[in-house]
């Protein structure tokens, strides 16, 4: 398992970047004609949303270890 230590500011910036990417990913999913690729993108979206939820938890703690 990989682990990196981030400051609260770094966590917030990373979380915002992921949120922006997931928003763009939704549009890519909608515009994708290939069923297989669409499924891949949907899976990626689920993984990224889980990471964002973990970052939200970390933002609530003073010392951040991700």
Protein backbone atom coordinates (compact mmCIF):
# COMPACT_ATOMS: atom_id res chain seq x y z
CA UNK A 1 0.00 0.00 0.00
CA UNK A 2 1.38 3.38 -0.98
CA UNK A 3 1.17 6.25 1.46
CA UNK A 4 2.04 9.89 1.05
CA UNK A 5 1.81 12.72 3.55
CA UNK A 6 0.06 15.87 2.42
CA UNK A 7 -0.62 19.19 4.05
CA UNK A 8 -4.26 20.19 4.43
CA UNK A 9 -3.75 22.70 1.60
CA UNK A 10 -2.37 19.97 -0.68
CA UNK A 11 -5.29 17.71 0.16
CA UNK A 12 -7.74 20.49 -0.69
CA UNK A 13 -6.01 21.24 -4.01
CA UNK A 14 -5.90 17.54 -4.93
CA UNK A 15 -9.55 17.09 -3.99
CA UNK A 16 -10.57 20.08 -6.13
CA UNK A 17 -8.53 18.79 -9.08
CA UNK A 18 -10.18 15.36 -8.81
CA UNK A 19 -13.60 16.97 -8.58
CA UNK A 20 -12.96 18.93 -11.77
CA UNK A 21 -11.66 15.83 -13.55
CA UNK A 22 -14.69 13.77 -12.48
CA UNK A 23 -16.98 16.49 -13.81
CA UNK A 24 -15.19 16.36 -17.18
CA UNK A 25 -15.25 12.56 -17.04
CA UNK A 26 -19.06 12.59 -16.80
CA UNK A 27 -19.20 14.45 -20.11
CA UNK A 28 -16.75 11.98 -21.65
CA UNK A 29 -18.93 9.08 -20.47
CA UNK A 30 -22.01 10.66 -22.00
CA UNK A 31 -20.27 11.30 -25.33
CA UNK A 32 -18.55 7.91 -25.64
CA UNK A 33 -19.99 5.58 -28.25
CA UNK A 34 -18.00 2.48 -27.28
CA UNK A 35 -19.81 0.43 -24.63
CA UNK A 36 -16.57 -1.11 -23.36
CA UNK A 37 -14.78 2.20 -23.05
CA UNK A 38 -17.84 3.73 -21.37
CA UNK A 39 -17.75 0.94 -18.78
CA UNK A 40 -14.05 1.61 -18.19
CA UNK A 41 -14.74 5.32 -17.67
CA UNK A 42 -17.61 4.57 -15.28
CA UNK A 43 -15.32 2.34 -13.23
CA UNK A 44 -12.69 5.09 -13.17
CA UNK A 45 -15.35 7.52 -11.96
CA UNK A 46 -16.29 5.21 -9.08
CA UNK A 47 -12.64 4.84 -8.02
CA UNK A 48 -12.05 8.59 -8.17
CA UNK A 49 -15.18 9.32 -6.13
CA UNK A 50 -13.95 6.89 -3.45
CA UNK A 51 -10.62 8.72 -3.38
CA UNK A 52 -12.43 12.05 -3.08
CA UNK A 53 -14.43 10.71 -0.14
CA UNK A 54 -11.20 9.62 1.56
CA UNK A 55 -9.74 13.07 0.98
CA UNK A 56 -12.84 14.64 2.52
CA UNK A 57 -12.22 12.59 5.66
CA UNK A 58 -8.58 13.61 5.69
CA UNK A 59 -9.52 17.28 5.36
CA UNK A 60 -11.40 16.94 8.65
CA UNK A 61 -8.24 15.82 10.50
CA UNK A 62 -5.35 18.11 11.49
CA UNK A 63 -2.47 15.79 10.41
CA UNK A 64 -2.98 14.41 6.94
CA UNK A 65 -1.53 11.05 5.84
CA UNK A 66 -2.77 9.81 2.48
